[in-house]
């Protein structure tokens, strides 16, 4: 699941970068169209002053077309900004989920390590009990052996007398 979220976040980041680049191009196109409108207006005024109505009408038509294109570009730019905002919110949400997931994985790993340590501790305690039992048996056997040896030594001493 972590891998899926990482892949989705990466893919979303790539799409966002592409949309941002597209938005930059649209912004440049908007400025170019604004400049063109100003230029067409100047050209049409100059043509009118020169009494070249045909040329003036051509520039006015070009200016109107540029204004229509500008409206379309601005509309696209607004739509793109909305898409970027949605993508940014999705990115933030997924990044938060990924971070939460990674924190949860770390917590689970820590719990797992604690359980393993508890298990090892229990095994060591059981081993310690076994060793204490064996030491107790060895001491008892040693006492029996010493008692037996003392008894034999005493018997030999009595036999020698």
N, C-alpha and C. Protein backbone atom coordinates (compact mmCIF):
# COMPACT_ATOMS: atom_id res chain seq x y z
N UNK A 1 0.82 -1.18 0.00
CA UNK A 1 0.00 0.00 0.00
C UNK A 1 0.87 1.26 0.00
N UNK A 2 1.96 1.23 0.77
CA UNK A 2 2.87 2.37 0.82
C UNK A 2 3.42 2.65 -0.58
N UNK A 3 3.77 1.58 -1.29
CA UNK A 3 4.33 1.73 -2.64
C UNK A 3 3.30 2.35 -3.58
N UNK A 4 2.04 1.91 -3.45
CA UNK A 4 0.97 2.47 -4.29
C UNK A 4 0.80 3.96 -4.04
N UNK A 5 0.82 4.34 -2.76
CA UNK A 5 0.67 5.76 -2.41
C UNK A 5 1.85 6.55 -2.95
N UNK A 6 3.08 6.00 -2.80
CA UNK A 6 4.26 6.69 -3.32
C UNK A 6 4.16 6.86 -4.83
N UNK A 7 3.72 5.81 -5.52
CA UNK A 7 3.58 5.89 -6.98
C UNK A 7 2.54 6.93 -7.37
N UNK A 8 1.42 6.94 -6.66
CA UNK A 8 0.37 7.91 -6.94
C UNK A 8 0.86 9.33 -6.68
N UNK A 9 1.55 9.52 -5.58
CA UNK A 9 2.09 10.85 -5.25
C UNK A 9 3.10 11.29 -6.33
N UNK A 10 3.95 10.37 -6.75
CA UNK A 10 4.94 10.69 -7.80
C UNK A 10 4.27 11.04 -9.12
N UNK A 11 3.27 10.25 -9.49
CA UNK A 11 2.54 10.50 -10.73
C UNK A 11 1.80 11.84 -10.66
N UNK A 12 1.19 12.10 -9.51
CA UNK A 12 0.47 13.36 -9.32
C UNK A 12 1.43 14.54 -9.39
N UNK A 13 2.60 14.38 -8.80
CA UNK A 13 3.61 15.45 -8.84
C UNK A 13 4.03 15.73 -10.29
N UNK A 14 4.20 14.68 -11.08
CA UNK A 14 4.57 14.85 -12.49
C UNK A 14 3.46 15.58 -13.25
N UNK A 15 2.21 15.16 -13.01
CA UNK A 15 1.08 15.82 -13.67
C UNK A 15 0.99 17.29 -13.26
N UNK A 16 1.24 17.56 -11.98
CA UNK A 16 1.19 18.95 -11.50
C UNK A 16 2.28 19.78 -12.18
N UNK A 17 3.45 19.22 -12.31
CA UNK A 17 4.55 19.95 -12.97
C UNK A 17 4.19 20.25 -14.42
N UNK A 18 3.56 19.28 -15.10
CA UNK A 18 3.16 19.49 -16.49
C UNK A 18 2.09 20.58 -16.56
N UNK A 19 1.13 20.55 -15.64
CA UNK A 19 0.07 21.57 -15.62
C UNK A 19 0.66 22.95 -15.32
N UNK A 20 1.63 23.01 -14.41
CA UNK A 20 2.26 24.30 -14.09
C UNK A 20 2.97 24.86 -15.30
N UNK A 21 3.66 23.99 -16.04
CA UNK A 21 4.34 24.43 -17.26
C UNK A 21 3.31 24.92 -18.28
N UNK A 22 2.20 24.19 -18.40
CA UNK A 22 1.13 24.60 -19.31
C UNK A 22 0.56 25.95 -18.88
N UNK A 23 0.40 26.16 -17.59
CA UNK A 23 -0.12 27.43 -17.07
C UNK A 23 0.86 28.56 -17.39
N UNK A 24 2.13 28.31 -17.25
CA UNK A 24 3.13 29.34 -17.60
C UNK A 24 3.03 29.71 -19.07
N UNK A 25 2.88 28.70 -19.93
CA UNK A 25 2.75 28.98 -21.37
C UNK A 25 1.48 29.79 -21.65
N UNK A 26 0.39 29.43 -20.97
CA UNK A 26 -0.86 30.18 -21.14
C UNK A 26 -0.69 31.63 -20.68
N UNK A 27 -0.02 31.81 -19.56
CA UNK A 27 0.20 33.17 -19.05
C UNK A 27 1.01 34.00 -20.05
N UNK A 28 2.05 33.38 -20.62
CA UNK A 28 2.83 34.09 -21.64
C UNK A 28 1.97 34.42 -22.85
N UNK A 29 1.12 33.47 -23.27
CA UNK A 29 0.24 33.69 -24.42
C UNK A 29 -0.74 34.82 -24.13
N UNK A 30 -1.24 34.89 -22.91
CA UNK A 30 -2.16 35.98 -22.53
C UNK A 30 -1.47 37.32 -22.67
N UNK A 31 -0.24 37.41 -22.16
CA UNK A 31 0.49 38.69 -22.28
C UNK A 31 0.76 39.03 -23.75
N UNK A 32 1.11 38.02 -24.54
CA UNK A 32 1.34 38.27 -25.96
C UNK A 32 0.07 38.77 -26.65
N UNK A 33 -1.07 38.17 -26.31
CA UNK A 33 -2.33 38.61 -26.90
C UNK A 33 -2.66 40.04 -26.47
N UNK A 34 -2.40 40.38 -25.23
CA UNK A 34 -2.63 41.76 -24.76
C UNK A 34 -1.76 42.73 -25.56
N UNK A 35 -0.50 42.35 -25.74
CA UNK A 35 0.40 43.19 -26.55
C UNK A 35 -0.10 43.31 -27.98
N UNK A 36 -0.56 42.19 -28.54
CA UNK A 36 -1.08 42.20 -29.91
C UNK A 36 -2.30 43.12 -30.04
N UNK A 37 -3.17 43.07 -29.05
CA UNK A 37 -4.36 43.93 -29.07
C UNK A 37 -3.95 45.40 -29.10
N UNK A 38 -2.98 45.73 -28.27
CA UNK A 38 -2.48 47.12 -28.24
C UNK A 38 -1.88 47.49 -29.60
N UNK A 39 -1.09 46.55 -30.16
CA UNK A 39 -0.47 46.80 -31.47
C UNK A 39 -1.54 46.96 -32.56
N UNK A 40 -2.54 46.09 -32.60
CA UNK A 40 -3.61 46.18 -33.61
C UNK A 40 -4.36 47.50 -33.47
N UNK A 41 -4.57 47.92 -32.22
CA UNK A 41 -5.25 49.20 -32.00
C UNK A 41 -4.42 50.35 -32.56
N UNK A 42 -3.13 50.34 -32.32
CA UNK A 42 -2.24 51.38 -32.87
C UNK A 42 -2.25 51.36 -34.40
N UNK A 43 -2.13 50.14 -34.95
CA UNK A 43 -2.11 50.01 -36.42
C UNK A 43 -3.40 50.52 -37.05
N UNK A 44 -4.55 50.17 -36.40
CA UNK A 44 -5.83 50.61 -36.97
C UNK A 44 -5.97 52.12 -36.88
N UNK A 45 -5.49 52.73 -35.77
CA UNK A 45 -5.55 54.19 -35.65
C UNK A 45 -4.68 54.86 -36.71
N UNK A 46 -3.49 54.29 -36.90
CA UNK A 46 -2.58 54.84 -37.91
C UNK A 46 -3.20 54.72 -39.30
N UNK A 47 -3.82 53.57 -39.60
CA UNK A 47 -4.44 53.35 -40.90
C UNK A 47 -5.61 54.32 -41.10
N UNK A 48 -6.36 54.59 -40.02
CA UNK A 48 -7.48 55.54 -40.13
C UNK A 48 -6.97 56.95 -40.40
N UNK A 49 -5.87 57.28 -39.73
CA UNK A 49 -5.27 58.61 -39.95
C UNK A 49 -4.79 58.75 -41.39
N UNK A 50 -4.32 57.64 -41.96
CA UNK A 50 -3.83 57.64 -43.34
C UNK A 50 -4.99 57.43 -44.33
N UNK A 51 -6.21 57.38 -43.83
CA UNK A 51 -7.40 57.15 -44.65
C UNK A 51 -7.37 55.83 -45.40
N UNK A 52 -6.73 54.81 -44.81
CA UNK A 52 -6.72 53.47 -45.42
C UNK A 52 -7.71 52.62 -44.62
N UNK A 53 -8.99 52.76 -44.96
CA UNK A 53 -10.05 52.11 -44.20
C UNK A 53 -9.98 50.59 -44.30
N UNK A 54 -9.56 50.09 -45.43
CA UNK A 54 -9.46 48.63 -45.59
C UNK A 54 -8.43 48.07 -44.62
N UNK A 55 -7.27 48.69 -44.54
CA UNK A 55 -6.23 48.26 -43.61
C UNK A 55 -6.69 48.46 -42.17
N UNK A 56 -7.38 49.57 -41.91
CA UNK A 56 -7.89 49.84 -40.56
C UNK A 56 -8.88 48.75 -40.16
N UNK A 57 -9.79 48.37 -41.06
CA UNK A 57 -10.74 47.31 -40.77
C UNK A 57 -10.05 45.96 -40.54
N UNK A 58 -9.01 45.70 -41.30
CA UNK A 58 -8.24 44.47 -41.11
C UNK A 58 -7.65 44.42 -39.72
N UNK A 59 -7.07 45.53 -39.27
CA UNK A 59 -6.47 45.59 -37.92
C UNK A 59 -7.54 45.52 -36.84
N UNK A 60 -8.69 46.15 -37.08
CA UNK A 60 -9.79 46.08 -36.11
C UNK A 60 -10.30 44.65 -35.99
N UNK A 61 -10.44 43.98 -37.12
CA UNK A 61 -10.87 42.57 -37.11
C UNK A 61 -9.85 41.70 -36.37
N UNK A 62 -8.59 41.93 -36.64
CA UNK A 62 -7.52 41.17 -35.96
C UNK A 62 -7.55 41.45 -34.46
N UNK A 63 -7.82 42.72 -34.11
CA UNK A 63 -7.90 43.10 -32.69
C UNK A 63 -9.07 42.38 -32.02
N UNK A 64 -10.24 42.32 -32.68
CA UNK A 64 -11.40 41.64 -32.13
C UNK A 64 -11.14 40.14 -31.98
N UNK A 65 -10.50 39.56 -32.97
CA UNK A 65 -10.14 38.13 -32.92
C UNK A 65 -9.18 37.88 -31.75
N UNK A 66 -8.21 38.78 -31.58
CA UNK A 66 -7.25 38.64 -30.48
C UNK A 66 -7.97 38.76 -29.13
N UNK A 67 -8.98 39.64 -29.04
CA UNK A 67 -9.74 39.78 -27.80
C UNK A 67 -10.51 38.49 -27.50
N UNK A 68 -11.11 37.89 -28.51
CA UNK A 68 -11.84 36.62 -28.33
C UNK A 68 -10.88 35.52 -27.88
N UNK A 69 -9.73 35.47 -28.56
CA UNK A 69 -8.72 34.47 -28.17
C UNK A 69 -8.24 34.70 -26.74
N UNK A 70 -8.10 35.97 -26.37
CA UNK A 70 -7.66 36.32 -25.02
C UNK A 70 -8.68 35.83 -23.98
N UNK A 71 -9.97 36.02 -24.28
CA UNK A 71 -11.01 35.53 -23.36
C UNK A 71 -10.91 34.02 -23.20
N UNK A 72 -10.70 33.31 -24.33
CA UNK A 72 -10.58 31.85 -24.27
C UNK A 72 -9.36 31.44 -23.45
N UNK A 73 -8.24 32.15 -23.68
CA UNK A 73 -7.02 31.83 -22.94
C UNK A 73 -7.20 32.08 -21.44
N UNK A 74 -7.86 33.19 -21.11
CA UNK A 74 -8.10 33.49 -19.69
C UNK A 74 -8.99 32.42 -19.07
N UNK A 75 -10.01 31.99 -19.82
CA UNK A 75 -10.90 30.93 -19.32
C UNK A 75 -10.11 29.63 -19.09
N UNK A 76 -9.26 29.29 -20.06
CA UNK A 76 -8.42 28.09 -19.90
C UNK A 76 -7.51 28.23 -18.69
N UNK A 77 -6.97 29.44 -18.52
CA UNK A 77 -6.05 29.69 -17.41
C UNK A 77 -6.77 29.52 -16.07
N UNK A 78 -8.01 30.00 -15.99
CA UNK A 78 -8.79 29.84 -14.75
C UNK A 78 -9.07 28.36 -14.49
N UNK A 79 -9.48 27.63 -15.54
CA UNK A 79 -9.76 26.19 -15.39
C UNK A 79 -8.50 25.45 -14.95
N UNK A 80 -7.38 25.82 -15.55
CA UNK A 80 -6.11 25.17 -15.21
C UNK A 80 -5.73 25.48 -13.76
N UNK A 81 -5.96 26.70 -13.32
CA UNK A 81 -5.67 27.06 -11.93
C UNK A 81 -6.54 26.24 -10.98
N UNK A 82 -7.82 26.04 -11.35
CA UNK A 82 -8.71 25.22 -10.52
C UNK A 82 -8.22 23.78 -10.46
N UNK A 83 -7.80 23.25 -11.61
CA UNK A 83 -7.29 21.88 -11.64
C UNK A 83 -6.03 21.75 -10.78
N UNK A 84 -5.16 22.75 -10.88
CA UNK A 84 -3.94 22.72 -10.07
C UNK A 84 -4.27 22.78 -8.58
N UNK A 85 -5.26 23.56 -8.21
CA UNK A 85 -5.66 23.65 -6.81
C UNK A 85 -6.19 22.30 -6.32
N UNK A 86 -7.02 21.66 -7.14
CA UNK A 86 -7.53 20.33 -6.78
C UNK A 86 -6.39 19.33 -6.66
N UNK A 87 -5.48 19.37 -7.61
CA UNK A 87 -4.34 18.45 -7.60
C UNK A 87 -3.47 18.70 -6.37
N UNK A 88 -3.29 19.96 -6.03
CA UNK A 88 -2.48 20.32 -4.87
C UNK A 88 -3.13 19.78 -3.59
N UNK A 89 -4.45 19.91 -3.50
CA UNK A 89 -5.16 19.38 -2.32
C UNK A 89 -5.03 17.86 -2.26
N UNK A 90 -5.19 17.21 -3.40
CA UNK A 90 -5.05 15.75 -3.46
C UNK A 90 -3.63 15.35 -3.07
N UNK A 91 -2.65 16.10 -3.59
CA UNK A 91 -1.24 15.83 -3.28
C UNK A 91 -1.00 15.95 -1.77
N UNK A 92 -1.53 17.02 -1.18
CA UNK A 92 -1.35 17.22 0.26
C UNK A 92 -2.01 16.08 1.05
N UNK A 93 -3.20 15.68 0.62
CA UNK A 93 -3.91 14.59 1.29
C UNK A 93 -3.11 13.29 1.20
N UNK A 94 -2.66 12.98 -0.02
CA UNK A 94 -1.89 11.73 -0.21
C UNK A 94 -0.56 11.78 0.54
N UNK A 95 0.08 12.94 0.51
CA UNK A 95 1.34 13.07 1.24
C UNK A 95 1.12 12.85 2.73
N UNK A 96 0.00 13.40 3.24
CA UNK A 96 -0.34 13.20 4.65
C UNK A 96 -0.60 11.74 4.96
N UNK A 97 -1.33 11.08 4.06
CA UNK A 97 -1.61 9.65 4.25
C UNK A 97 -0.32 8.85 4.22
N UNK A 98 0.55 9.20 3.28
CA UNK A 98 1.83 8.49 3.18
C UNK A 98 2.63 8.67 4.46
N UNK A 99 2.66 9.90 4.96
CA UNK A 99 3.40 10.17 6.18
C UNK A 99 2.79 9.40 7.35
N UNK A 100 1.44 9.41 7.45
CA UNK A 100 0.77 8.66 8.50
C UNK A 100 1.07 7.17 8.37
N UNK A 101 1.05 6.68 7.14
CA UNK A 101 1.31 5.26 6.90
C UNK A 101 2.74 4.91 7.31
N UNK A 102 3.69 5.79 6.98
CA UNK A 102 5.09 5.52 7.34
C UNK A 102 5.27 5.56 8.86
N UNK A 103 4.56 6.47 9.52
CA UNK A 103 4.63 6.54 10.98
C UNK A 103 4.06 5.25 11.57
N UNK A 104 2.94 4.80 11.03
CA UNK A 104 2.29 3.57 11.51
C UNK A 104 3.20 2.36 11.30
N UNK A 105 3.86 2.31 10.14
CA UNK A 105 4.80 1.21 9.86
C UNK A 105 5.91 1.22 10.91
N UNK A 106 6.42 2.41 11.22
CA UNK A 106 7.49 2.52 12.20
C UNK A 106 7.00 2.05 13.58
N UNK A 107 5.76 2.45 13.93
CA UNK A 107 5.20 2.02 15.21
C UNK A 107 5.06 0.50 15.25
N UNK A 108 4.55 -0.08 14.16
CA UNK A 108 4.39 -1.54 14.10
C UNK A 108 5.74 -2.22 14.19
N UNK A 109 6.74 -1.68 13.47
CA UNK A 109 8.09 -2.25 13.54
C UNK A 109 8.63 -2.19 14.97
N UNK A 110 8.41 -1.05 15.63
CA UNK A 110 8.87 -0.92 17.02
C UNK A 110 8.16 -1.92 17.93
N UNK A 111 6.84 -2.09 17.72
CA UNK A 111 6.11 -3.07 18.52
C UNK A 111 6.62 -4.48 18.25
N UNK A 112 6.89 -4.75 16.97
CA UNK A 112 7.41 -6.06 16.59
C UNK A 112 8.75 -6.31 17.27
N UNK A 113 9.63 -5.31 17.24
CA UNK A 113 10.94 -5.46 17.89
C UNK A 113 10.77 -5.67 19.39
N UNK A 114 9.82 -4.93 20.00
CA UNK A 114 9.58 -5.07 21.43
C UNK A 114 9.09 -6.49 21.73
N UNK A 115 8.17 -6.99 20.91
CA UNK A 115 7.67 -8.35 21.11
C UNK A 115 8.79 -9.37 20.97
N UNK A 116 9.65 -9.16 19.96
CA UNK A 116 10.78 -10.07 19.78
C UNK A 116 11.71 -10.02 20.99
N UNK A 117 11.93 -8.81 21.50
CA UNK A 117 12.81 -8.66 22.68
C UNK A 117 12.16 -9.31 23.90
N UNK A 118 10.83 -9.11 24.04
CA UNK A 118 10.12 -9.75 25.16
C UNK A 118 10.21 -11.27 25.04
N UNK A 119 10.06 -11.79 23.81
CA UNK A 119 10.15 -13.23 23.60
C UNK A 119 11.55 -13.73 23.96
N UNK A 120 12.58 -13.00 23.52
CA UNK A 120 13.95 -13.39 23.84
C UNK A 120 14.19 -13.33 25.34
N UNK A 121 13.62 -12.29 25.98
CA UNK A 121 13.76 -12.16 27.43
C UNK A 121 13.10 -13.34 28.14
N UNK A 122 11.91 -13.71 27.68
CA UNK A 122 11.21 -14.87 28.26
C UNK A 122 12.03 -16.13 28.07
N UNK A 123 12.60 -16.30 26.87
CA UNK A 123 13.43 -17.47 26.61
C UNK A 123 14.65 -17.48 27.53
N UNK A 124 15.26 -16.30 27.73
CA UNK A 124 16.43 -16.22 28.62
C UNK A 124 16.04 -16.51 30.06
N UNK A 125 14.87 -16.01 30.48
CA UNK A 125 14.41 -16.28 31.85
C UNK A 125 14.15 -17.78 32.03
N UNK A 126 13.54 -18.39 31.02
CA UNK A 126 13.29 -19.84 31.09
C UNK A 126 14.62 -20.60 31.14
N UNK A 127 15.58 -20.14 30.32
CA UNK A 127 16.90 -20.78 30.30
C UNK A 127 17.59 -20.61 31.66
N UNK A 128 17.44 -19.41 32.24
CA UNK A 128 18.04 -19.15 33.55
C UNK A 128 17.43 -20.09 34.61
N UNK A 129 16.10 -20.27 34.56
CA UNK A 129 15.44 -21.19 35.48
C UNK A 129 15.96 -22.61 35.31
N UNK A 130 16.11 -23.01 34.04
CA UNK A 130 16.63 -24.36 33.76
C UNK A 130 18.04 -24.51 34.32
N UNK A 131 18.86 -23.46 34.11
CA UNK A 131 20.24 -23.52 34.64
C UNK A 131 20.24 -23.57 36.17
N UNK A 132 19.36 -22.77 36.79
CA UNK A 132 19.28 -22.78 38.25
C UNK A 132 18.86 -24.16 38.76
N UNK A 133 17.93 -24.78 38.04
CA UNK A 133 17.49 -26.13 38.40
C UNK A 133 18.66 -27.11 38.29
N UNK A 134 19.39 -27.00 37.16
CA UNK A 134 20.52 -27.90 36.94
C UNK A 134 21.62 -27.67 37.97
N UNK A 135 21.84 -26.36 38.33
CA UNK A 135 22.84 -26.05 39.36
C UNK A 135 22.39 -26.65 40.69
N UNK A 136 21.09 -26.55 40.98
CA UNK A 136 20.55 -27.13 42.22
C UNK A 136 20.76 -28.64 42.25
N UNK A 137 20.48 -29.28 41.10
CA UNK A 137 20.69 -30.73 41.02
C UNK A 137 22.17 -31.07 41.21
N UNK A 138 23.03 -30.26 40.58
CA UNK A 138 24.47 -30.51 40.68
C UNK A 138 24.94 -30.33 42.12
N UNK A 139 24.41 -29.32 42.82
CA UNK A 139 24.78 -29.11 44.22
C UNK A 139 24.31 -30.28 45.08
N UNK A 140 23.08 -30.72 44.81
CA UNK A 140 22.55 -31.85 45.58
C UNK A 140 23.40 -33.09 45.33
N UNK A 141 23.75 -33.33 44.07
CA UNK A 141 24.59 -34.46 43.73
C UNK A 141 25.96 -34.33 44.39
N UNK A 142 26.49 -33.11 44.40
CA UNK A 142 27.78 -32.85 45.03
C UNK A 142 27.70 -33.12 46.53
N UNK A 143 26.63 -32.67 47.17
CA UNK A 143 26.46 -32.91 48.60
C UNK A 143 26.36 -34.41 48.88
N UNK A 144 25.59 -35.08 48.02
CA UNK A 144 25.45 -36.54 48.20
C UNK A 144 26.80 -37.20 48.03
N UNK A 145 27.54 -36.76 47.00
CA UNK A 145 28.87 -37.34 46.75
C UNK A 145 29.80 -37.05 47.92
N UNK A 146 29.77 -35.79 48.42
CA UNK A 146 30.63 -35.45 49.56
C UNK A 146 30.23 -36.23 50.80
N UNK A 147 28.93 -36.36 51.01
CA UNK A 147 28.45 -37.13 52.16
C UNK A 147 28.87 -38.59 52.03
N UNK A 148 28.74 -39.10 50.80
CA UNK A 148 29.14 -40.48 50.55
C UNK A 148 30.64 -40.65 50.75
N UNK A 149 31.40 -39.69 50.22
CA UNK A 149 32.86 -39.75 50.38
C UNK A 149 33.24 -39.63 51.86
N UNK A 150 32.59 -38.71 52.56
CA UNK A 150 32.88 -38.55 53.99
C UNK A 150 32.55 -39.84 54.74
N UNK A 151 31.44 -40.45 54.35
CA UNK A 151 31.02 -41.70 54.98
C UNK A 151 32.04 -42.80 54.73
N UNK A 152 32.52 -42.90 53.46
CA UNK A 152 33.52 -43.92 53.12
C UNK A 152 34.83 -43.67 53.84
N UNK A 153 35.22 -42.39 53.90
CA UNK A 153 36.47 -42.05 54.59
C UNK A 153 36.33 -42.41 56.06
N UNK A 154 35.21 -42.10 56.67
CA UNK A 154 35.00 -42.41 58.07
C UNK A 154 34.98 -43.92 58.29
N UNK A 155 34.38 -44.64 57.35
CA UNK A 155 34.34 -46.09 57.42
C UNK A 155 35.76 -46.66 57.33
N UNK A 156 36.56 -46.10 56.39
CA UNK A 156 37.94 -46.59 56.24
C UNK A 156 38.75 -46.29 57.51
N UNK A 157 38.51 -45.13 58.05
CA UNK A 157 39.23 -44.74 59.28
C UNK A 157 38.81 -45.70 60.41
N UNK A 158 37.58 -46.02 60.51
CA UNK A 158 37.09 -46.94 61.55
C UNK A 158 37.62 -48.35 61.31
N UNK A 159 37.70 -48.70 60.01
CA UNK A 159 38.22 -50.03 59.70
C UNK A 159 39.71 -50.10 60.06
N UNK A 160 40.41 -49.06 59.94
CA UNK A 160 41.84 -49.06 60.24
C UNK A 160 42.10 -49.10 61.74
N UNK A 161 41.22 -48.70 62.50
CA UNK A 161 41.41 -48.68 63.93
C UNK A 161 41.22 -50.03 64.45
